[in-house]
C-alpha atoms as a PDB file:
ATOM      1  CA  MET A   1    -117.336-112.014 -48.755  1.00  0.00           C
ATOM      2  CA  LYS A   2    -117.045-108.273 -48.238  1.00  0.00           C
ATOM      3  CA  VAL A   3    -113.789-106.769 -49.488  1.00  0.00           C
ATOM      4  CA  ILE A   4    -112.306-103.678 -47.876  1.00  0.00           C
ATOM      5  CA  ARG A   5    -110.284-102.069 -50.670  1.00  0.00           C
ATOM      6  CA  ARG A   6    -107.449-100.413 -48.710  1.00  0.00           C
ATOM      7  CA  ASP A   7    -106.884 -97.987 -51.599  1.00  0.00           C
ATOM      8  CA  HIS A   8    -104.417 -95.841 -49.656  1.00  0.00           C
ATOM      9  CA  TYR A   9    -102.041 -98.755 -49.081  1.00  0.00           C
ATOM     10  CA  LEU A  10    -102.520-100.138 -52.585  1.00  0.00           C
ATOM     11  CA  GLN A  11    -101.705 -96.757 -54.151  1.00  0.00           C
ATOM     12  CA  ARG A  12     -98.634 -96.472 -51.941  1.00  0.00           C
ATOM     13  CA  ILE A  13     -97.341 -99.850 -53.150  1.00  0.00           C
ATOM     14  CA  ILE A  14     -98.115 -98.963 -56.773  1.00  0.00           C
ATOM     15  CA  SER A  15     -96.298 -95.633 -56.514  1.00  0.00           C
ATOM     16  CA  LEU A  16     -93.192 -97.337 -55.113  1.00  0.00           C
ATOM     17  CA  SER A  17     -93.156-100.242 -57.578  1.00  0.00           C
ATOM     18  CA  GLY A  18     -90.757-100.347 -60.472  1.00  0.00           C
ATOM     19  CA  ASN A  19     -87.779 -98.740 -58.769  1.00  0.00           C
ATOM     20  CA  GLY A  20     -85.838-101.995 -58.407  1.00  0.00           C
ATOM     21  CA  ARG A  21     -85.938-102.034 -54.615  1.00  0.00           C
ATOM     22  CA  VAL A  22     -87.367-104.735 -52.385  1.00  0.00           C
ATOM     23  CA  LYS A  23     -90.538-103.723 -50.531  1.00  0.00           C
ATOM     24  CA  ILE A  24     -91.268-105.002 -47.016  1.00  0.00           C
ATOM     25  CA  ILE A  25     -94.882-104.978 -45.859  1.00  0.00           C
ATOM     26  CA  THR A  26     -95.179-105.072 -42.057  1.00  0.00           C
ATOM     27  CA  GLY A  27     -98.034-105.060 -39.586  1.00  0.00           C
ATOM     28  CA  ILE A  28     -99.676-106.968 -36.781  1.00  0.00           C
ATOM     29  CA  ARG A  29    -101.038-110.465 -37.349  1.00  0.00           C
ATOM     30  CA  ARG A  30    -104.218-110.730 -39.426  1.00  0.00           C
ATOM     31  CA  CYS A  31    -104.284-107.077 -40.484  1.00  0.00           C
ATOM     32  CA  GLY A  32    -104.518-107.856 -44.219  1.00  0.00           C
ATOM     33  CA  LYS A  33    -100.909-107.834 -45.449  1.00  0.00           C
ATOM     34  CA  SER A  34    -101.254-111.041 -47.472  1.00  0.00           C
ATOM     35  CA  PHE A  35    -104.683-110.044 -48.771  1.00  0.00           C
ATOM     36  CA  LEU A  36    -103.285-106.693 -49.895  1.00  0.00           C
ATOM     37  CA  LEU A  37    -100.514-108.312 -51.905  1.00  0.00           C
ATOM     38  CA  ASN A  38    -102.034-111.616 -53.000  1.00  0.00           C
ATOM     39  CA  THR A  39    -105.434-110.263 -53.982  1.00  0.00           C
ATOM     40  CA  LEU A  40    -105.534-106.505 -54.403  1.00  0.00           C
ATOM     41  CA  PHE A  41    -102.053-105.951 -55.852  1.00  0.00           C
ATOM     42  CA  PHE A  42    -102.311-109.144 -57.930  1.00  0.00           C
ATOM     43  CA  ASN A  43    -105.588-107.866 -59.435  1.00  0.00           C
ATOM     44  CA  TYR A  44    -103.923-104.527 -60.168  1.00  0.00           C
ATOM     45  CA  LEU A  45    -101.102-106.306 -62.007  1.00  0.00           C
ATOM     46  CA  LYS A  46    -103.640-108.306 -64.048  1.00  0.00           C
ATOM     47  CA  GLU A  47    -105.425-105.054 -64.961  1.00  0.00           C
ATOM     48  CA  GLN A  48    -102.063-103.744 -66.189  1.00  0.00           C
ATOM     49  CA  GLU A  49    -101.899-106.836 -68.449  1.00  0.00           C
ATOM     50  CA  ILE A  50     -98.934-108.373 -66.638  1.00  0.00           C
ATOM     51  CA  GLU A  51     -98.897-112.093 -67.449  1.00  0.00           C
ATOM     52  CA  LYS A  52     -99.463-114.474 -64.535  1.00  0.00           C
ATOM     53  CA  ASP A  53     -96.169-116.278 -65.182  1.00  0.00           C
ATOM     54  CA  HIS A  54     -94.336-112.961 -64.651  1.00  0.00           C
ATOM     55  CA  ILE A  55     -95.681-112.603 -61.102  1.00  0.00           C
ATOM     56  CA  LEU A  56     -93.674-114.323 -58.371  1.00  0.00           C
ATOM     57  CA  TYR A  57     -95.216-115.555 -55.118  1.00  0.00           C
ATOM     58  CA  ILE A  58     -92.968-116.289 -52.152  1.00  0.00           C
ATOM     59  CA  ARG A  59     -94.716-117.759 -49.117  1.00  0.00           C
END
């Protein structure tokens, strides 16, 4: 499976994280919103040594 990184969007989410506000990710169907959060941002959090049980998924 080929992964398109979407670094611009990932960096935008990272720069806005930690301020205590809720983030809303919007876009058309099947544009990669879930992949961005569930895979790319999750991997970033793991790289930052955030424990898995400290990451909350809401589906």
